[in-house]
Amino acid sequence: MSSVLVTGATGFIGAALIPRLQGAGHRVRAYARRPEAVTSGVPVVAGDAVQGTGLDAALDEIDVAFYLVHSMEGKGTAQSFDGLELRAAENFAAAAQRAGVRRVIYLGGLVPTDKVASRHLGSRLAVEEVLLGGRTPEAVAFRASLVVGARSRSFRFLVRLVERAPLLPLPGWSGNRTRPIDERDVLALLLAAARSEAVTGPLSMDIAGPDIVTYGEMVEAIRDHLLLGRPAVRLPVTMTAVAAKFAAAITGEDVGLVEPLMESLASDLLPRDEAAAAFFGVRMHSFDAAVEHALGAWERTQALAGR
């Protein structure tokens, strides 16, 4: 089996991926700014990708490296996260090339096909371009919409909004469509990408759940799974800047996360094709199954309103 590095090891996806890689027999190493927060028991190299520290040690003798570093809030300045993400990706790509890493696997975001991507999604695309162009022979970039999971910040934000708002305001973008994906399916695809012999060169693939839903339908489905009677109020305007501050205050989330997230909802976010699931042999869960699984996992550690 391969020697595998997981960056972003304290994040939602990275933390869940490590035990799955271990279970598949891989030798796993983690890379994190806060090594003490990595609880999986694997060796950890401390470092900061933005500064470029620790990367050479982390990537030494690594076959497959997962790049799961995201910098949404830009360390307190919402205007700078895209620059930080690009710098971190460039540092990582250069270090991976020096170490002779065979395969880099990245999880980014779906981008709209009909208009310019938001800063959030544009930043994800810029990182993908750096990693696919970084001379790693078998680089793989996945693009996903909202990942439904108990520790997903985007999903947790929506749940907290439904729990705490007496009315559910649905701005003008709430009719736009996407295809959320179950965290179990994301992890299965990442694991398959680490060991698949079908990957022979740089590859960019969209990954998505089977159900097309609008953002309004997504919020209403969460409400129904929580068994709450929150009426939805559809608004004829977007007011992203104002709505982001309002939503952040209600949910207790950082407006530096909420505003770029809302900016990315300004258009449909649908996959370019259906190839990824069949290519990697992964069966996808429905949106309702994903929501129920995520809420159930959350409830095992914390009570949720209405359930």
Protein backbone atom coordinates (compact mmCIF):
# COMPACT_ATOMS: atom_id res chain seq x y z
CA MET A 1 0.00 0.00 0.00
CA SER A 2 0.97 3.65 -0.45
CA SER A 3 2.49 6.19 1.91
CA VAL A 4 -0.14 8.92 2.14
CA LEU A 5 -0.06 12.50 3.44
CA VAL A 6 -3.25 14.24 4.56
CA THR A 7 -3.05 18.02 4.78
CA GLY A 8 -5.88 19.85 6.51
CA ALA A 9 -5.91 16.93 8.92
CA THR A 10 -7.89 18.78 11.59
CA GLY A 11 -10.64 19.79 9.17
CA PHE A 12 -13.98 18.12 8.53
CA ILE A 13 -12.93 15.95 5.58
CA GLY A 14 -9.28 15.42 6.54
CA ALA A 15 -10.09 14.14 10.03
CA ALA A 16 -12.69 11.70 8.68
CA LEU A 17 -10.46 10.52 5.83
CA ILE A 18 -7.45 9.46 7.95
CA PRO A 19 -9.07 6.42 9.66
CA ARG A 20 -10.48 5.25 6.34
CA LEU A 21 -7.04 5.37 4.75
CA GLN A 22 -5.62 3.45 7.72
CA GLY A 23 -8.39 0.87 7.41
CA ALA A 24 -7.45 0.37 3.76
CA GLY A 25 -3.88 -0.42 4.78
CA HIS A 26 -2.16 2.83 3.80
CA ARG A 27 0.69 4.32 5.83
CA VAL A 28 -0.67 7.73 6.81
CA ARG A 29 1.04 10.93 7.88
CA ALA A 30 -0.75 14.19 8.74
CA TYR A 31 0.23 17.82 8.18
CA ALA A 32 -1.35 20.50 10.36
CA ARG A 33 -0.76 23.92 11.87
CA ARG A 34 -1.91 22.51 15.23
CA PRO A 35 -0.49 18.99 15.58
CA GLU A 36 -2.07 18.59 19.01
CA ALA A 37 -5.52 18.78 17.38
CA VAL A 38 -4.90 15.67 15.25
CA THR A 39 -6.47 12.90 17.30
CA SER A 40 -6.11 9.91 14.95
CA GLY A 41 -2.75 8.75 16.34
CA VAL A 42 -0.86 9.06 13.05
CA PRO A 43 2.54 10.79 12.77
CA VAL A 44 2.08 14.55 12.35
CA VAL A 45 4.34 17.18 10.80
CA ALA A 46 3.69 20.72 12.01
CA GLY A 47 3.62 23.46 9.41
CA ASP A 48 1.78 26.24 7.65
CA ALA A 49 1.26 25.89 3.90
CA VAL A 50 0.82 29.65 3.45
CA GLN A 51 4.29 30.19 4.94
CA GLY A 52 5.63 27.03 3.28
CA THR A 53 6.92 25.62 6.56
CA GLY A 54 7.13 21.87 7.18
CA LEU A 55 6.13 20.87 3.66
CA ASP A 56 9.40 19.21 2.65
CA ALA A 57 9.42 17.07 5.81
CA ALA A 58 5.73 16.21 5.44
CA LEU A 59 6.08 15.13 1.78
CA ASP A 60 9.30 13.14 2.19
CA GLU A 61 8.85 9.60 0.75
CA ILE A 62 5.12 10.19 0.17
CA ASP A 63 3.37 8.51 -2.78
CA VAL A 64 -0.08 10.14 -2.54
CA ALA A 65 -0.85 13.53 -0.97
CA PHE A 66 -4.31 14.89 -0.20
CA TYR A 67 -4.52 18.67 -0.44
CA LEU A 68 -7.45 19.66 1.80
CA VAL A 69 -6.28 23.12 2.85
CA HIS A 70 -8.85 25.93 2.68
CA SER A 71 -8.58 29.46 4.03
CA MET A 72 -12.10 30.87 3.82
CA GLU A 73 -11.84 33.77 6.25
CA GLY A 74 -8.30 34.76 5.40
CA LYS A 75 -7.19 34.86 9.03
CA GLY A 76 -9.61 37.57 10.02
CA THR A 77 -9.79 39.52 6.73
CA ALA A 78 -12.46 38.25 4.35
CA GLN A 79 -10.78 40.15 1.47
CA SER A 80 -7.58 38.11 1.57
CA PHE A 81 -8.57 34.44 1.68
CA ASP A 82 -8.14 33.92 -2.08
CA GLY A 83 -4.58 35.25 -2.02
CA LEU A 84 -3.71 33.03 0.94
CA GLU A 85 -5.17 29.97 -0.76
CA LEU A 86 -3.18 30.58 -3.92
CA ARG A 87 0.08 31.07 -2.04
CA ALA A 88 -0.47 27.89 -0.01
CA ALA A 89 -1.21 25.87 -3.17
CA GLU A 90 1.89 27.17 -4.94
CA ASN A 91 4.08 26.29 -1.95
CA PHE A 92 2.56 22.81 -1.76
CA ALA A 93 2.87 22.13 -5.51
CA ALA A 94 6.54 23.12 -5.49
CA ALA A 95 7.28 20.94 -2.45
CA ALA A 96 5.40 17.97 -3.97
CA GLN A 97 7.47 18.29 -7.14
CA ARG A 98 10.72 18.40 -5.16
CA ALA A 99 9.67 15.28 -3.22
CA GLY A 100 8.67 13.35 -6.34
CA VAL A 101 5.09 12.77 -5.15
CA ARG A 102 3.25 10.56 -7.64
CA ARG A 103 -0.35 11.65 -7.00
CA VAL A 104 -1.93 14.76 -5.47
CA ILE A 105 -5.68 14.70 -4.74
CA TYR A 106 -7.58 17.95 -4.22
CA LEU A 107 -11.16 18.66 -3.14
CA GLY A 108 -12.43 21.96 -4.51
CA GLY A 109 -15.82 23.39 -5.48
CA LEU A 110 -18.18 23.26 -8.43
CA VAL A 111 -18.03 26.35 -10.62
CA PRO A 112 -20.89 27.89 -12.63
CA THR A 113 -20.93 27.30 -16.37
CA ASP A 114 -23.00 30.37 -17.26
CA LYS A 115 -21.17 33.20 -15.48
CA VAL A 116 -17.99 34.22 -13.70
CA ALA A 117 -17.37 32.28 -10.48
CA SER A 118 -17.58 34.03 -7.12
CA ARG A 119 -14.34 34.87 -5.29
CA HIS A 120 -14.84 31.74 -3.16
CA LEU A 121 -15.30 29.40 -6.12
CA GLY A 122 -12.83 31.29 -8.28
CA SER A 123 -10.22 30.73 -5.57
CA ARG A 124 -10.95 26.99 -5.52
CA LEU A 125 -10.54 26.88 -9.30
CA ALA A 126 -7.24 28.78 -9.14
CA VAL A 127 -5.92 26.26 -6.60
CA GLU A 128 -7.00 23.39 -8.87
CA GLU A 129 -5.13 24.92 -11.80
CA VAL A 130 -1.96 25.24 -9.70
CA LEU A 131 -2.11 21.63 -8.50
CA LEU A 132 -2.98 20.12 -11.90
CA GLY A 133 -0.19 22.13 -13.48
CA GLY A 134 2.36 21.30 -10.78
CA ARG A 135 4.11 18.44 -12.60
CA THR A 136 2.66 15.79 -10.31
CA PRO A 137 2.08 12.93 -12.80
CA GLU A 138 -1.33 11.79 -11.53
CA ALA A 139 -2.95 14.89 -10.03
CA VAL A 140 -6.70 14.53 -9.35
CA ALA A 141 -9.03 17.46 -8.66
CA PHE A 142 -12.58 16.87 -7.48
CA ARG A 143 -15.17 19.66 -7.57
CA ALA A 144 -18.08 19.34 -5.14
CA SER A 145 -21.10 21.39 -4.19
CA LEU A 146 -22.19 21.60 -0.54
CA VAL A 147 -21.01 18.53 1.39
CA VAL A 148 -23.71 17.27 3.76
CA GLY A 149 -22.08 16.11 6.99
CA ALA A 150 -22.31 16.65 10.73
CA ARG A 151 -19.01 18.57 10.81
CA SER A 152 -19.40 20.46 7.52
CA ARG A 153 -19.36 24.18 8.37
CA SER A 154 -21.64 25.03 5.44
CA PHE A 155 -24.19 22.39 6.44
CA ARG A 156 -23.96 23.33 10.13
CA PHE A 157 -24.57 26.96 9.17
CA LEU A 158 -27.80 26.00 7.37
CA VAL A 159 -28.96 23.84 10.29
CA ARG A 160 -28.31 26.61 12.82
CA LEU A 161 -30.14 29.09 10.60
CA VAL A 162 -33.21 26.83 10.47
CA GLU A 163 -33.05 26.16 14.22
CA ARG A 164 -32.74 29.77 15.32
CA ALA A 165 -34.66 31.90 12.81
CA PRO A 166 -38.43 32.13 13.51
CA LEU A 167 -38.96 32.70 9.77
CA LEU A 168 -36.83 31.32 6.95
CA PRO A 169 -35.92 34.22 4.63
CA LEU A 170 -35.19 32.96 1.12
CA PRO A 171 -33.42 35.65 -0.97
CA GLY A 172 -33.59 35.91 -4.75
CA TRP A 173 -30.86 33.30 -5.26
CA SER A 174 -32.82 30.62 -3.36
CA GLY A 175 -34.27 29.32 -6.64
CA ASN A 176 -30.84 28.45 -8.02
CA ARG A 177 -30.04 24.75 -8.24
CA THR A 178 -27.24 22.49 -7.07
CA ARG A 179 -26.54 18.86 -6.21
CA PRO A 180 -25.34 18.45 -2.60
CA ILE A 181 -23.23 15.40 -1.86
CA ASP A 182 -23.17 13.07 1.16
CA GLU A 183 -19.92 13.18 3.15
CA ARG A 184 -19.78 9.36 2.95
CA ASP A 185 -19.68 9.57 -0.84
CA VAL A 186 -16.97 12.25 -0.82
CA LEU A 187 -14.82 10.10 1.47
CA ALA A 188 -15.43 7.01 -0.68
CA LEU A 189 -14.35 8.91 -3.81
CA LEU A 190 -11.24 10.30 -2.14
CA LEU A 191 -10.26 6.85 -0.90
CA ALA A 192 -10.84 5.32 -4.33
CA ALA A 193 -8.77 8.07 -5.97
CA ALA A 194 -5.82 7.20 -3.72
CA ARG A 195 -5.62 3.62 -4.96
CA SER A 196 -7.26 3.59 -8.41
CA GLU A 197 -5.09 2.26 -11.23
CA ALA A 198 -7.37 4.01 -13.72
CA VAL A 199 -5.78 7.37 -12.89
CA THR A 200 -2.88 7.70 -15.32
CA GLY A 201 -2.58 11.48 -15.69
CA PRO A 202 -3.99 14.83 -14.50
CA LEU A 203 -7.74 14.56 -13.99
CA SER A 204 -10.48 17.07 -13.08
CA MET A 205 -13.89 15.62 -12.20
CA ASP A 206 -17.11 17.03 -10.76
CA ILE A 207 -18.70 15.01 -7.97
CA ALA A 208 -22.33 15.41 -6.97
CA GLY A 209 -25.22 13.65 -5.31
CA PRO A 210 -28.05 12.24 -7.46
CA ASP A 211 -30.67 14.88 -6.54
CA ILE A 212 -31.00 18.37 -8.01
CA VAL A 213 -32.38 20.77 -5.39
CA THR A 214 -32.74 24.52 -5.14
CA TYR A 215 -31.15 26.29 -2.20
CA GLY A 216 -34.65 27.05 -0.93
CA GLU A 217 -35.60 23.37 -1.14
CA MET A 218 -32.41 22.49 0.72
CA VAL A 219 -33.31 24.78 3.64
CA GLU A 220 -36.90 23.53 3.70
CA ALA A 221 -35.74 19.89 3.68
CA ILE A 222 -33.50 20.54 6.70
CA ARG A 223 -36.45 22.19 8.42
CA ASP A 224 -38.64 19.15 7.75
CA HIS A 225 -35.98 16.70 8.97
CA LEU A 226 -35.70 18.77 12.17
CA LEU A 227 -39.52 18.59 12.54
CA LEU A 228 -39.75 22.35 12.85
CA GLY A 229 -42.60 24.52 11.61
CA ARG A 230 -40.61 27.46 10.31
CA PRO A 231 -42.52 29.24 7.51
CA ALA A 232 -40.43 30.27 4.52
CA VAL A 233 -40.58 33.87 3.31
CA ARG A 234 -39.39 34.41 -0.26
CA LEU A 235 -37.75 37.78 -0.88
CA PRO A 236 -37.57 39.44 -4.32
CA VAL A 237 -34.03 40.72 -3.70
CA THR A 238 -30.61 39.28 -2.87
CA MET A 239 -28.92 41.81 -0.55
CA THR A 240 -25.99 39.43 -0.03
CA ALA A 241 -23.91 41.75 2.17
CA VAL A 242 -26.85 42.53 4.48
CA ALA A 243 -28.17 38.95 4.47
CA ALA A 244 -24.71 37.59 5.33
CA LYS A 245 -24.39 39.81 8.41
CA PHE A 246 -27.92 38.91 9.51
CA ALA A 247 -27.37 35.16 9.00
CA ALA A 248 -23.97 35.22 10.70
CA ALA A 249 -25.44 36.95 13.75
CA ILE A 250 -28.25 34.39 14.03
CA THR A 251 -26.04 31.33 13.60
CA GLY A 252 -22.98 32.54 15.51
CA GLU A 253 -20.85 31.93 12.42
CA ASP A 254 -18.10 34.21 11.10
CA VAL A 255 -19.37 36.62 8.43
CA GLY A 256 -16.04 35.95 6.68
CA LEU A 257 -17.37 32.45 5.94
CA VAL A 258 -21.03 33.35 5.34
CA GLU A 259 -20.58 36.19 2.84
CA PRO A 260 -18.36 34.34 0.31
CA LEU A 261 -20.58 31.29 0.75
CA MET A 262 -23.66 33.35 -0.17
CA GLU A 263 -21.82 34.96 -3.07
CA SER A 264 -21.30 31.48 -4.52
CA LEU A 265 -25.06 30.85 -4.53
CA ALA A 266 -25.69 33.50 -7.19
CA SER A 267 -26.08 30.90 -9.96
CA ASP A 268 -26.74 27.22 -10.58
CA LEU A 269 -23.88 24.97 -9.47
CA LEU A 270 -24.33 21.71 -11.37
CA PRO A 271 -21.75 19.10 -12.41
CA ARG A 272 -20.30 19.06 -15.91
CA ASP A 273 -21.02 15.33 -16.25
CA GLU A 274 -21.88 12.14 -14.33
CA ALA A 275 -18.60 10.29 -14.88
CA ALA A 276 -16.91 10.32 -11.46
CA ALA A 277 -19.13 7.85 -9.57
CA ALA A 278 -18.85 5.17 -12.26
CA PHE A 279 -15.16 5.85 -12.90
CA PHE A 280 -14.30 5.22 -9.24
CA GLY A 281 -17.04 2.65 -8.54
CA VAL A 282 -18.93 4.60 -5.86
CA ARG A 283 -22.71 4.48 -5.35
CA MET A 284 -24.22 7.79 -4.27
CA HIS A 285 -26.67 8.47 -1.43
CA SER A 286 -29.79 10.57 -1.95
CA PHE A 287 -30.02 14.08 -0.51
CA ASP A 288 -32.63 13.02 2.08
CA ALA A 289 -30.45 10.11 3.19
CA ALA A 290 -27.47 12.46 3.47
CA VAL A 291 -29.37 14.97 5.63
CA GLU A 292 -30.79 12.29 7.93
CA HIS A 293 -27.36 10.68 8.37
CA ALA A 294 -25.68 14.02 9.11
CA LEU A 295 -28.33 15.10 11.62
CA GLY A 296 -28.18 11.69 13.31
CA ALA A 297 -24.40 11.90 13.66
CA TRP A 298 -24.69 15.44 15.06
CA GLU A 299 -27.32 14.34 17.58
CA ARG A 300 -25.01 11.72 19.01
CA THR A 301 -22.90 14.54 20.46
CA GLN A 302 -25.37 17.43 20.78
CA ALA A 303 -29.14 17.87 20.91
CA LEU A 304 -30.83 19.62 17.99
CA ALA A 305 -33.96 21.77 18.19
CA GLY A 306 -37.19 20.05 17.21
CA ARG A 307 -35.89 16.46 17.13
